[in-house]
Amino acid sequence: MKKLCCFVILNWSLITYPSFATEVPQQKSSIQELFLIMGMEQQMKSGYEAMLPLVDQQAAQLNLNPSAKEELKNIYRSWFNNDIDRKEINRKISKAYEDTFSEKEINELIAFYQSPVGRKFLEETPRLMKIGVRIGMEEARAKEYLLNQRLQPFLDVYSK
């Protein structure tokens, strides 16, 4: 009888005060809606694709032939597809969004990303990320000699 009474009271409170029942899950579902609109899964894949020039650089340093270079890329691909827990990443990023944005702000972000400029932003972001990575790598390569100048005294002391 006590269980039935608790069940009725709990269900009555959820019907009477729906915000009590849905406040946190609603925000989480809004965040998931935002992630769906943002193409969060595709963004993660684009992050992997943006990393491939580093794999190419590693292959060049190892003087790999094209077959070995592809094998190296497949190792990274397998790691990304099989070992990286994207659900856990999604959960942690969702928590960060939940801690950062109010429900109202999440809904405003959803509205923005559904707007023409928001959709364009989402469409262009992967390409712009690749450009940014390329530019950053080019600048790093161009200034690598300066890093080596700074590293050399350190290596002279600690590599003995």
C-alpha atoms as a PDB file:
ATOM      1  CA  MET A   1       0.000   0.000   0.000  1.00  0.00           C
ATOM      2  CA  LYS A   2       2.843   2.387   0.849  1.00  0.00           C
ATOM      3  CA  LYS A   3       4.427   1.708  -2.559  1.00  0.00           C
ATOM      4  CA  LEU A   4       1.135   2.398  -4.340  1.00  0.00           C
ATOM      5  CA  CYS A   5       0.659   5.615  -2.358  1.00  0.00           C
ATOM      6  CA  CYS A   6       4.214   6.801  -3.201  1.00  0.00           C
ATOM      7  CA  PHE A   7       3.654   5.913  -6.858  1.00  0.00           C
ATOM      8  CA  VAL A   8       0.410   7.928  -6.998  1.00  0.00           C
ATOM      9  CA  ILE A   9       1.940  10.932  -5.201  1.00  0.00           C
ATOM     10  CA  LEU A  10       5.024  10.891  -7.433  1.00  0.00           C
ATOM     11  CA  ASN A  11       2.963  10.651 -10.621  1.00  0.00           C
ATOM     12  CA  TRP A  12       0.553  13.315  -9.419  1.00  0.00           C
ATOM     13  CA  SER A  13       3.467  15.667  -8.676  1.00  0.00           C
ATOM     14  CA  LEU A  14       4.938  15.021 -12.110  1.00  0.00           C
ATOM     15  CA  ILE A  15       1.603  15.777 -13.795  1.00  0.00           C
ATOM     16  CA  THR A  16       0.886  18.796 -11.599  1.00  0.00           C
ATOM     17  CA  TYR A  17       4.430  20.215 -11.767  1.00  0.00           C
ATOM     18  CA  PRO A  18       5.757  19.115 -15.152  1.00  0.00           C
ATOM     19  CA  SER A  19       8.741  21.466 -14.961  1.00  0.00           C
ATOM     20  CA  PHE A  20       9.878  19.492 -11.923  1.00  0.00           C
ATOM     21  CA  ALA A  21       9.909  16.338 -14.031  1.00  0.00           C
ATOM     22  CA  THR A  22      11.368  17.780 -17.213  1.00  0.00           C
ATOM     23  CA  GLU A  23      13.616  20.668 -16.254  1.00  0.00           C
ATOM     24  CA  VAL A  24      16.959  18.842 -16.458  1.00  0.00           C
ATOM     25  CA  PRO A  25      16.015  16.224 -19.089  1.00  0.00           C
ATOM     26  CA  GLN A  26      14.453  18.962 -21.254  1.00  0.00           C
ATOM     27  CA  GLN A  27      17.691  20.917 -21.186  1.00  0.00           C
ATOM     28  CA  LYS A  28      19.611  17.777 -22.021  1.00  0.00           C
ATOM     29  CA  SER A  29      17.263  17.040 -24.900  1.00  0.00           C
ATOM     30  CA  SER A  30      17.672  20.644 -26.069  1.00  0.00           C
ATOM     31  CA  ILE A  31      21.422  20.165 -25.934  1.00  0.00           C
ATOM     32  CA  GLN A  32      21.111  16.938 -27.917  1.00  0.00           C
ATOM     33  CA  GLU A  33      18.904  18.775 -30.429  1.00  0.00           C
ATOM     34  CA  LEU A  34      21.572  21.479 -30.664  1.00  0.00           C
ATOM     35  CA  PHE A  35      24.280  18.840 -31.192  1.00  0.00           C
ATOM     36  CA  LEU A  36      22.190  17.205 -33.898  1.00  0.00           C
ATOM     37  CA  ILE A  37      21.720  20.545 -35.676  1.00  0.00           C
ATOM     38  CA  MET A  38      25.419  21.344 -35.217  1.00  0.00           C
ATOM     39  CA  GLY A  39      26.383  17.954 -36.643  1.00  0.00           C
ATOM     40  CA  MET A  40      28.506  17.223 -33.581  1.00  0.00           C
ATOM     41  CA  GLU A  41      29.325  13.695 -34.770  1.00  0.00           C
ATOM     42  CA  GLN A  42      30.487  15.077 -38.113  1.00  0.00           C
ATOM     43  CA  GLN A  43      32.505  17.726 -36.290  1.00  0.00           C
ATOM     44  CA  MET A  44      34.299  14.976 -34.365  1.00  0.00           C
ATOM     45  CA  LYS A  45      35.035  13.205 -37.645  1.00  0.00           C
ATOM     46  CA  SER A  46      36.239  16.488 -39.129  1.00  0.00           C
ATOM     47  CA  GLY A  47      38.549  16.864 -36.143  1.00  0.00           C
ATOM     48  CA  TYR A  48      40.000  13.487 -37.050  1.00  0.00           C
ATOM     49  CA  GLU A  49      40.371  14.552 -40.684  1.00  0.00           C
ATOM     50  CA  ALA A  50      42.098  17.751 -39.564  1.00  0.00           C
ATOM     51  CA  MET A  51      44.613  15.556 -37.717  1.00  0.00           C
ATOM     52  CA  LEU A  52      45.593  13.638 -40.875  1.00  0.00           C
ATOM     53  CA  PRO A  53      48.254  16.175 -41.967  1.00  0.00           C
ATOM     54  CA  LEU A  54      50.054  15.347 -38.707  1.00  0.00           C
ATOM     55  CA  VAL A  55      49.920  11.666 -39.681  1.00  0.00           C
ATOM     56  CA  ASP A  56      51.294  12.616 -43.109  1.00  0.00           C
ATOM     57  CA  GLN A  57      54.087  14.515 -41.375  1.00  0.00           C
ATOM     58  CA  GLN A  58      54.818  11.502 -39.168  1.00  0.00           C
ATOM     59  CA  ALA A  59      54.874   9.259 -42.257  1.00  0.00           C
ATOM     60  CA  ALA A  60      57.328  11.635 -43.955  1.00  0.00           C
ATOM     61  CA  GLN A  61      59.607  11.633 -40.889  1.00  0.00           C
ATOM     62  CA  LEU A  62      59.566   7.832 -40.960  1.00  0.00           C
ATOM     63  CA  ASN A  63      60.223   7.816 -44.726  1.00  0.00           C
ATOM     64  CA  LEU A  64      57.240   5.533 -45.296  1.00  0.00           C
ATOM     65  CA  ASN A  65      56.319   4.344 -48.756  1.00  0.00           C
ATOM     66  CA  PRO A  66      52.703   4.939 -49.885  1.00  0.00           C
ATOM     67  CA  SER A  67      51.561   1.498 -48.724  1.00  0.00           C
ATOM     68  CA  ALA A  68      53.075   1.915 -45.261  1.00  0.00           C
ATOM     69  CA  LYS A  69      51.706   5.465 -45.070  1.00  0.00           C
ATOM     70  CA  GLU A  70      48.194   4.117 -45.757  1.00  0.00           C
ATOM     71  CA  GLU A  71      48.729   1.420 -43.115  1.00  0.00           C
ATOM     72  CA  LEU A  72      49.702   4.132 -40.612  1.00  0.00           C
ATOM     73  CA  LYS A  73      46.561   6.098 -41.497  1.00  0.00           C
ATOM     74  CA  ASN A  74      44.500   2.927 -41.023  1.00  0.00           C
ATOM     75  CA  ILE A  75      45.965   2.489 -37.534  1.00  0.00           C
ATOM     76  CA  TYR A  76      44.857   6.009 -36.635  1.00  0.00           C
ATOM     77  CA  ARG A  77      41.494   5.454 -38.343  1.00  0.00           C
ATOM     78  CA  SER A  78      40.926   2.224 -36.394  1.00  0.00           C
ATOM     79  CA  TRP A  79      41.911   3.937 -33.137  1.00  0.00           C
ATOM     80  CA  PHE A  80      39.493   6.788 -33.804  1.00  0.00           C
ATOM     81  CA  ASN A  81      36.615   4.546 -34.918  1.00  0.00           C
ATOM     82  CA  ASN A  82      37.027   1.765 -32.358  1.00  0.00           C
ATOM     83  CA  ASP A  83      38.744   3.151 -29.282  1.00  0.00           C
ATOM     84  CA  ILE A  84      37.586   6.740 -28.937  1.00  0.00           C
ATOM     85  CA  ASP A  85      34.355   6.691 -26.912  1.00  0.00           C
ATOM     86  CA  ARG A  86      32.321   9.308 -28.754  1.00  0.00           C
ATOM     87  CA  LYS A  87      29.296   8.703 -26.506  1.00  0.00           C
ATOM     88  CA  GLU A  88      31.404   9.592 -23.479  1.00  0.00           C
ATOM     89  CA  ILE A  89      32.789  12.628 -25.277  1.00  0.00           C
ATOM     90  CA  ASN A  90      29.215  13.642 -26.126  1.00  0.00           C
ATOM     91  CA  ARG A  91      28.167  13.180 -22.493  1.00  0.00           C
ATOM     92  CA  LYS A  92      31.043  15.314 -21.214  1.00  0.00           C
ATOM     93  CA  ILE A  93      30.535  18.027 -23.825  1.00  0.00           C
ATOM     94  CA  SER A  94      26.792  18.007 -23.061  1.00  0.00           C
ATOM     95  CA  LYS A  95      27.617  18.551 -19.392  1.00  0.00           C
ATOM     96  CA  ALA A  96      29.913  21.451 -20.312  1.00  0.00           C
ATOM     97  CA  TYR A  97      27.131  23.034 -22.398  1.00  0.00           C
ATOM     98  CA  GLU A  98      24.641  22.430 -19.587  1.00  0.00           C
ATOM     99  CA  ASP A  99      26.985  24.117 -17.111  1.00  0.00           C
ATOM    100  CA  THR A 100      27.648  27.032 -19.485  1.00  0.00           C
ATOM    101  CA  PHE A 101      24.336  27.850 -21.152  1.00  0.00           C
ATOM    102  CA  SER A 102      20.811  28.322 -19.820  1.00  0.00           C
ATOM    103  CA  GLU A 103      17.886  26.595 -21.509  1.00  0.00           C
ATOM    104  CA  LYS A 104      17.009  29.937 -23.118  1.00  0.00           C
ATOM    105  CA  GLU A 105      20.521  30.331 -24.487  1.00  0.00           C
ATOM    106  CA  ILE A 106      20.527  26.763 -25.835  1.00  0.00           C
ATOM    107  CA  ASN A 107      17.266  27.536 -27.637  1.00  0.00           C
ATOM    108  CA  GLU A 108      18.787  30.742 -29.037  1.00  0.00           C
ATOM    109  CA  LEU A 109      21.753  28.729 -30.318  1.00  0.00           C
ATOM    110  CA  ILE A 110      19.348  26.263 -31.918  1.00  0.00           C
ATOM    111  CA  ALA A 111      17.537  29.149 -33.613  1.00  0.00           C
ATOM    112  CA  PHE A 112      20.860  30.598 -34.823  1.00  0.00           C
ATOM    113  CA  TYR A 113      22.088  27.301 -36.260  1.00  0.00           C
ATOM    114  CA  GLN A 114      18.742  26.830 -38.011  1.00  0.00           C
ATOM    115  CA  SER A 115      19.055  30.282 -39.619  1.00  0.00           C
ATOM    116  CA  PRO A 116      20.688  30.629 -43.061  1.00  0.00           C
ATOM    117  CA  VAL A 117      23.889  32.159 -41.651  1.00  0.00           C
ATOM    118  CA  GLY A 118      23.997  29.527 -38.895  1.00  0.00           C
ATOM    119  CA  ARG A 119      23.620  26.706 -41.442  1.00  0.00           C
ATOM    120  CA  LYS A 120      26.355  28.280 -43.574  1.00  0.00           C
ATOM    121  CA  PHE A 121      28.590  28.551 -40.510  1.00  0.00           C
ATOM    122  CA  LEU A 122      28.091  24.841 -39.793  1.00  0.00           C
ATOM    123  CA  GLU A 123      28.677  23.878 -43.422  1.00  0.00           C
ATOM    124  CA  GLU A 124      31.868  25.902 -43.693  1.00  0.00           C
ATOM    125  CA  THR A 125      33.372  25.089 -40.289  1.00  0.00           C
ATOM    126  CA  PRO A 126      35.056  21.789 -41.310  1.00  0.00           C
ATOM    127  CA  ARG A 127      36.694  23.438 -44.337  1.00  0.00           C
ATOM    128  CA  LEU A 128      37.759  26.415 -42.228  1.00  0.00           C
ATOM    129  CA  MET A 129      39.173  24.069 -39.563  1.00  0.00           C
ATOM    130  CA  LYS A 130      41.308  22.341 -42.203  1.00  0.00           C
ATOM    131  CA  ILE A 131      42.506  25.705 -43.476  1.00  0.00           C
ATOM    132  CA  GLY A 132      43.315  26.775 -39.921  1.00  0.00           C
ATOM    133  CA  VAL A 133      45.269  23.583 -39.245  1.00  0.00           C
ATOM    134  CA  ARG A 134      47.178  23.962 -42.520  1.00  0.00           C
ATOM    135  CA  ILE A 135      48.005  27.623 -41.800  1.00  0.00           C
ATOM    136  CA  GLY A 136      49.108  26.763 -38.267  1.00  0.00           C
ATOM    137  CA  MET A 137      51.306  23.919 -39.498  1.00  0.00           C
ATOM    138  CA  GLU A 138      52.855  26.111 -42.199  1.00  0.00           C
ATOM    139  CA  GLU A 139      53.668  28.801 -39.652  1.00  0.00           C
ATOM    140  CA  ALA A 140      55.069  26.222 -37.224  1.00  0.00           C
ATOM    141  CA  ARG A 141      57.276  24.737 -39.968  1.00  0.00           C
ATOM    142  CA  ALA A 142      58.466  28.194 -41.014  1.00  0.00           C
ATOM    143  CA  LYS A 143      59.452  29.013 -37.434  1.00  0.00           C
ATOM    144  CA  GLU A 144      60.655  25.555 -36.420  1.00  0.00           C
ATOM    145  CA  TYR A 145      64.265  26.768 -36.511  1.00  0.00           C
ATOM    146  CA  LEU A 146      63.405  29.275 -33.741  1.00  0.00           C
ATOM    147  CA  LEU A 147      62.006  26.470 -31.593  1.00  0.00           C
ATOM    148  CA  ASN A 148      65.139  24.446 -32.244  1.00  0.00           C
ATOM    149  CA  GLN A 149      67.274  27.426 -31.160  1.00  0.00           C
ATOM    150  CA  ARG A 150      65.329  27.572 -27.901  1.00  0.00           C
ATOM    151  CA  LEU A 151      65.393  23.816 -27.403  1.00  0.00           C
ATOM    152  CA  GLN A 152      69.089  23.307 -28.085  1.00  0.00           C
ATOM    153  CA  PRO A 153      70.389  24.745 -24.768  1.00  0.00           C
ATOM    154  CA  PHE A 154      67.839  22.653 -22.895  1.00  0.00           C
ATOM    155  CA  LEU A 155      68.796  19.512 -24.829  1.00  0.00           C
ATOM    156  CA  ASP A 156      72.483  20.239 -24.288  1.00  0.00           C
ATOM    157  CA  VAL A 157      71.921  20.208 -20.533  1.00  0.00           C
ATOM    158  CA  TYR A 158      69.404  17.370 -20.216  1.00  0.00           C
ATOM    159  CA  SER A 159      70.333  14.971 -22.984  1.00  0.00           C
ATOM    160  CA  LYS A 160      73.654  13.964 -21.435  1.00  0.00           C
END
